[in-house]
C-alpha atoms as a PDB file:
ATOM      1  CA  MET A   1      -0.045  -0.016  -0.023  1.00  0.00           C
ATOM      2  CA  PRO A   2       1.281   3.474  -0.757  1.00  0.00           C
ATOM      3  CA  LEU A   3       2.347   5.456   2.329  1.00  0.00           C
ATOM      4  CA  ASP A   4      -0.538   6.938   4.297  1.00  0.00           C
ATOM      5  CA  PRO A   5      -0.226  10.793   4.208  1.00  0.00           C
ATOM      6  CA  ALA A   6      -1.006  10.847   7.994  1.00  0.00           C
ATOM      7  CA  PHE A   7       1.994   8.455   8.586  1.00  0.00           C
ATOM      8  CA  VAL A   8       4.336  10.627   6.466  1.00  0.00           C
ATOM      9  CA  ALA A   9       3.067  13.766   8.379  1.00  0.00           C
ATOM     10  CA  ASP A  10       3.651  12.082  11.796  1.00  0.00           C
ATOM     11  CA  CYS A  11       7.192  11.080  10.975  1.00  0.00           C
ATOM     12  CA  PRO A  12       9.947  12.983  12.868  1.00  0.00           C
ATOM     13  CA  TYR A  13      11.870  13.061   9.517  1.00  0.00           C
ATOM     14  CA  GLY A  14      10.901  14.696   6.275  1.00  0.00           C
ATOM     15  CA  PRO A  15      10.392  12.617   3.193  1.00  0.00           C
ATOM     16  CA  GLY A  16      14.092  12.874   2.246  1.00  0.00           C
ATOM     17  CA  GLY A  17      14.968  11.229   5.664  1.00  0.00           C
ATOM     18  CA  LEU A  18      12.069   8.749   5.745  1.00  0.00           C
ATOM     19  CA  LEU A  19      13.564   6.862   2.783  1.00  0.00           C
ATOM     20  CA  ILE A  20      10.801   4.212   2.589  1.00  0.00           C
ATOM     21  CA  ASP A  21       8.225   4.469  -0.383  1.00  0.00           C
ATOM     22  CA  ASP A  22       5.822   1.817   0.311  1.00  0.00           C
ATOM     23  CA  ILE A  23       4.487  -0.488   2.912  1.00  0.00           C
ATOM     24  CA  ILE A  24       3.739  -3.921   1.474  1.00  0.00           C
ATOM     25  CA  GLU A  25       2.966  -5.900   4.539  1.00  0.00           C
ATOM     26  CA  ILE A  26       1.443  -5.241   7.942  1.00  0.00           C
ATOM     27  CA  ASP A  27       0.959  -8.424  10.044  1.00  0.00           C
ATOM     28  CA  ARG A  28      -0.176  -7.478  13.568  1.00  0.00           C
ATOM     29  CA  ALA A  29      -0.395 -11.039  14.756  1.00  0.00           C
ATOM     30  CA  ALA A  30       3.341 -11.642  13.824  1.00  0.00           C
ATOM     31  CA  SER A  31       4.314  -8.115  14.760  1.00  0.00           C
ATOM     32  CA  ARG A  32       5.921  -7.824  11.304  1.00  0.00           C
ATOM     33  CA  LEU A  33       6.092  -4.919   8.859  1.00  0.00           C
ATOM     34  CA  VAL A  34       7.572  -4.982   5.447  1.00  0.00           C
ATOM     35  CA  ALA A  35       8.364  -1.849   3.437  1.00  0.00           C
ATOM     36  CA  THR A  36      10.329  -0.913   0.367  1.00  0.00           C
ATOM     37  CA  MET A  37      13.123   1.572  -0.259  1.00  0.00           C
ATOM     38  CA  PRO A  38      14.108   2.918  -3.631  1.00  0.00           C
ATOM     39  CA  THR A  39      17.813   2.796  -4.451  1.00  0.00           C
ATOM     40  CA  HIS A  40      19.049   5.604  -6.604  1.00  0.00           C
ATOM     41  CA  ALA A  41      22.148   7.631  -7.031  1.00  0.00           C
ATOM     42  CA  GLU A  42      20.638  10.695  -5.153  1.00  0.00           C
ATOM     43  CA  LEU A  43      20.350   9.015  -1.812  1.00  0.00           C
ATOM     44  CA  PRO A  44      21.854  10.823   1.080  1.00  0.00           C
ATOM     45  CA  ILE A  45      25.577   9.704   1.374  1.00  0.00           C
ATOM     46  CA  THR A  46      25.261   7.778  -1.918  1.00  0.00           C
ATOM     47  CA  ARG A  47      25.273  10.968  -3.926  1.00  0.00           C
ATOM     48  CA  ASP A  48      28.547  12.008  -2.499  1.00  0.00           C
ATOM     49  CA  GLN A  49      30.339   8.743  -3.105  1.00  0.00           C
ATOM     50  CA  ARG A  50      33.425   8.927  -5.247  1.00  0.00           C
ATOM     51  CA  ALA A  51      32.486   5.896  -7.126  1.00  0.00           C
ATOM     52  CA  ASP A  52      34.793   3.609  -9.125  1.00  0.00           C
ATOM     53  CA  PRO A  53      33.128   0.698 -10.928  1.00  0.00           C
ATOM     54  CA  VAL A  54      35.981  -1.750  -9.722  1.00  0.00           C
ATOM     55  CA  ARG A  55      37.314  -0.411  -6.511  1.00  0.00           C
ATOM     56  CA  HIS A  56      34.224   1.414  -5.001  1.00  0.00           C
ATOM     57  CA  PRO A  57      31.123   0.903  -7.029  1.00  0.00           C
ATOM     58  CA  ARG A  58      28.172   3.197  -6.162  1.00  0.00           C
ATOM     59  CA  HIS A  59      26.005   1.455  -3.649  1.00  0.00           C
ATOM     60  CA  VAL A  60      23.563   2.077  -0.747  1.00  0.00           C
ATOM     61  CA  SER A  61      25.721   3.184   2.132  1.00  0.00           C
ATOM     62  CA  GLY A  62      25.666   0.871   5.192  1.00  0.00           C
ATOM     63  CA  GLY A  63      25.236   3.945   7.457  1.00  0.00           C
ATOM     64  CA  LEU A  64      22.147   4.715   5.483  1.00  0.00           C
ATOM     65  CA  MET A  65      20.870   1.245   6.027  1.00  0.00           C
ATOM     66  CA  ILE A  66      21.317   1.661   9.751  1.00  0.00           C
ATOM     67  CA  HIS A  67      19.334   4.831   9.551  1.00  0.00           C
ATOM     68  CA  VAL A  68      16.563   3.161   7.614  1.00  0.00           C
ATOM     69  CA  THR A  69      16.191   0.546  10.433  1.00  0.00           C
ATOM     70  CA  GLY A  70      15.055   3.430  12.491  1.00  0.00           C
ATOM     71  CA  MET A  71      12.455   4.542   9.954  1.00  0.00           C
ATOM     72  CA  VAL A  72      11.161   0.915   9.524  1.00  0.00           C
ATOM     73  CA  GLY A  73      11.067   0.731  13.469  1.00  0.00           C
ATOM     74  CA  PHE A  74       9.129   3.982  13.344  1.00  0.00           C
ATOM     75  CA  ALA A  75       6.701   2.479  10.775  1.00  0.00           C
ATOM     76  CA  HIS A  76       6.300  -0.503  13.014  1.00  0.00           C
ATOM     77  CA  GLY A  77       5.589   1.588  16.003  1.00  0.00           C
ATOM     78  CA  TYR A  78       3.003   3.642  14.034  1.00  0.00           C
ATOM     79  CA  HIS A  79       1.215   0.813  12.175  1.00  0.00           C
ATOM     80  CA  ILE A  80       1.476  -2.186  14.670  1.00  0.00           C
ATOM     81  CA  LEU A  81       2.023  -0.581  18.077  1.00  0.00           C
ATOM     82  CA  ASP A  82      -0.342   2.382  17.440  1.00  0.00           C
ATOM     83  CA  LEU A  83       2.359   4.978  18.720  1.00  0.00           C
ATOM     84  CA  ARG A  84       1.840   8.394  17.280  1.00  0.00           C
ATOM     85  CA  HIS A  85       4.604  11.081  17.271  1.00  0.00           C
ATOM     86  CA  ALA A  86       1.736  13.599  17.416  1.00  0.00           C
ATOM     87  CA  ASP A  87       0.511  12.121  20.643  1.00  0.00           C
ATOM     88  CA  GLY A  88       3.968  12.559  22.188  1.00  0.00           C
ATOM     89  CA  TRP A  89       5.509   9.175  21.286  1.00  0.00           C
ATOM     90  CA  ILE A  90       9.065   9.021  20.111  1.00  0.00           C
ATOM     91  CA  GLY A  91      11.361   6.105  19.596  1.00  0.00           C
ATOM     92  CA  TYR A  92      15.177   5.885  19.609  1.00  0.00           C
ATOM     93  CA  GLY A  93      17.514   2.952  18.862  1.00  0.00           C
ATOM     94  CA  THR A  94      19.441   1.993  21.990  1.00  0.00           C
ATOM     95  CA  HIS A  95      21.475  -1.077  21.032  1.00  0.00           C
ATOM     96  CA  ILE A  96      22.698  -2.692  17.880  1.00  0.00           C
ATOM     97  CA  HIS A  97      23.184  -6.223  19.169  1.00  0.00           C
ATOM     98  CA  GLU A  98      24.231  -7.517  15.815  1.00  0.00           C
ATOM     99  CA  ALA A  99      24.615  -5.974  12.285  1.00  0.00           C
ATOM    100  CA  ARG A 100      25.584  -8.101   9.343  1.00  0.00           C
ATOM    101  CA  PHE A 101      26.055  -6.696   5.902  1.00  0.00           C
ATOM    102  CA  ARG A 102      25.675  -9.748   3.676  1.00  0.00           C
ATOM    103  CA  LYS A 103      26.116  -8.267   0.239  1.00  0.00           C
ATOM    104  CA  MET A 104      26.486  -4.723  -1.182  1.00  0.00           C
ATOM    105  CA  ALA A 105      23.158  -3.063  -1.890  1.00  0.00           C
ATOM    106  CA  ARG A 106      23.303  -1.944  -5.481  1.00  0.00           C
ATOM    107  CA  ILE A 107      21.738   1.164  -7.013  1.00  0.00           C
ATOM    108  CA  GLY A 108      18.648   0.257  -9.018  1.00  0.00           C
ATOM    109  CA  PRO A 109      16.491  -2.580  -7.675  1.00  0.00           C
ATOM    110  CA  PRO A 110      14.499  -1.551  -4.537  1.00  0.00           C
ATOM    111  CA  LEU A 111      15.307  -2.901  -1.078  1.00  0.00           C
ATOM    112  CA  VAL A 112      12.653  -4.924   0.693  1.00  0.00           C
ATOM    113  CA  LEU A 113      12.869  -4.004   4.424  1.00  0.00           C
ATOM    114  CA  ALA A 114      11.382  -6.654   6.869  1.00  0.00           C
ATOM    115  CA  CYS A 115      11.186  -5.629  10.512  1.00  0.00           C
ATOM    116  CA  THR A 116       9.779  -8.055  13.088  1.00  0.00           C
ATOM    117  CA  ALA A 117       9.432  -7.303  16.828  1.00  0.00           C
ATOM    118  CA  THR A 118      10.822 -10.288  18.723  1.00  0.00           C
ATOM    119  CA  SER A 119      10.157  -8.787  22.068  1.00  0.00           C
ATOM    120  CA  VAL A 120       7.863  -5.947  23.340  1.00  0.00           C
ATOM    121  CA  ARG A 121       8.184  -5.040  26.974  1.00  0.00           C
ATOM    122  CA  ARG A 122       6.445  -2.189  28.842  1.00  0.00           C
ATOM    123  CA  ILE A 123       8.604  -0.601  31.459  1.00  0.00           C
ATOM    124  CA  ARG A 124       7.219   2.293  33.566  1.00  0.00           C
ATOM    125  CA  GLY A 125       5.000   3.504  30.638  1.00  0.00           C
ATOM    126  CA  ALA A 126       7.770   3.103  27.920  1.00  0.00           C
ATOM    127  CA  LEU A 127       8.070   0.303  25.438  1.00  0.00           C
ATOM    128  CA  VAL A 128      11.296  -1.535  24.908  1.00  0.00           C
ATOM    129  CA  VAL A 129      11.134  -3.353  21.568  1.00  0.00           C
ATOM    130  CA  ARG A 130      13.697  -5.675  20.154  1.00  0.00           C
ATOM    131  CA  TYR A 131      13.662  -5.984  16.420  1.00  0.00           C
ATOM    132  CA  ALA A 132      14.987  -8.463  13.835  1.00  0.00           C
ATOM    133  CA  PHE A 133      15.621  -6.749  10.526  1.00  0.00           C
ATOM    134  CA  GLU A 134      16.243  -8.419   7.109  1.00  0.00           C
ATOM    135  CA  PHE A 135      16.729  -6.283   4.144  1.00  0.00           C
ATOM    136  CA  THR A 136      16.814  -7.988   0.763  1.00  0.00           C
ATOM    137  CA  GLN A 137      17.444  -6.910  -2.855  1.00  0.00           C
ATOM    138  CA  ASP A 138      16.316  -9.141  -5.709  1.00  0.00           C
ATOM    139  CA  GLY A 139      15.855 -11.913  -3.050  1.00  0.00           C
ATOM    140  CA  ASP A 140      19.279 -11.807  -1.758  1.00  0.00           C
ATOM    141  CA  ALA A 141      20.036 -10.785   1.906  1.00  0.00           C
ATOM    142  CA  VAL A 142      21.968  -7.492   2.011  1.00  0.00           C
ATOM    143  CA  TYR A 143      21.519  -6.610   5.741  1.00  0.00           C
ATOM    144  CA  GLU A 144      20.393  -8.562   8.924  1.00  0.00           C
ATOM    145  CA  GLY A 145      20.128  -6.834  12.214  1.00  0.00           C
ATOM    146  CA  ASP A 146      19.184  -7.490  15.747  1.00  0.00           C
ATOM    147  CA  GLN A 147      18.468  -4.113  17.445  1.00  0.00           C
ATOM    148  CA  THR A 148      16.582  -2.568  20.440  1.00  0.00           C
ATOM    149  CA  ALA A 149      14.534   0.604  20.527  1.00  0.00           C
ATOM    150  CA  LEU A 150      12.941   2.459  23.367  1.00  0.00           C
ATOM    151  CA  PHE A 151       9.594   4.304  22.659  1.00  0.00           C
ATOM    152  CA  HIS A 152       8.509   6.733  25.368  1.00  0.00           C
ATOM    153  CA  ARG A 153       5.846   9.456  25.566  1.00  0.00           C
ATOM    154  CA  ILE A 154       6.773  12.998  26.029  1.00  0.00           C
ATOM    155  CA  THR A 155       4.053  14.700  28.100  1.00  0.00           C
ATOM    156  CA  ASP A 156       3.659  18.469  28.706  1.00  0.00           C
ATOM    157  CA  ALA A 157       5.120  17.968  32.068  1.00  0.00           C
ATOM    158  CA  SER A 158       8.183  16.133  30.970  1.00  0.00           C
ATOM    159  CA  ALA A 159       8.743  18.586  28.041  1.00  0.00           C
ATOM    160  CA  ALA A 160       8.575  21.468  30.523  1.00  0.00           C
ATOM    161  CA  ALA A 161      11.161  19.777  32.820  1.00  0.00           C
ATOM    162  CA  VAL A 162      13.633  19.404  29.836  1.00  0.00           C
ATOM    163  CA  GLY A 163      12.953  22.812  28.211  1.00  0.00           C
END
């Protein structure tokens, strides 16, 4: 399904930082969301590569893939956990337990970004979510990750204490 405009508006990043262009699966029972990401030469970081077809071919940066784990985690929080940035919820990655870059992500074919919550714990009103990520391109694994995020709600009182 194309991205819901309300989801895009709720995202803490603008469209250039969101990076995903479609959500192709939402499975609440399995706590799984699958999205797609275009791969083109104008992606952040990618556009600044000093590419060489042999020594350093143009590719999707590993750092950008780590960033997109946060965007897919945000999509999971929005669509599966019903957490809305507009309602004060925000999530941050806290741990990368494991990150495996299996193959270089090429420019051209889209990435398929699968995100599954393997654990969701409520601790003092916050949610601690452990995620398994698998990003593929043309059926081949390019990234696998095991990461934890913390979602918490900013209230007027907590925002006043910080500000």
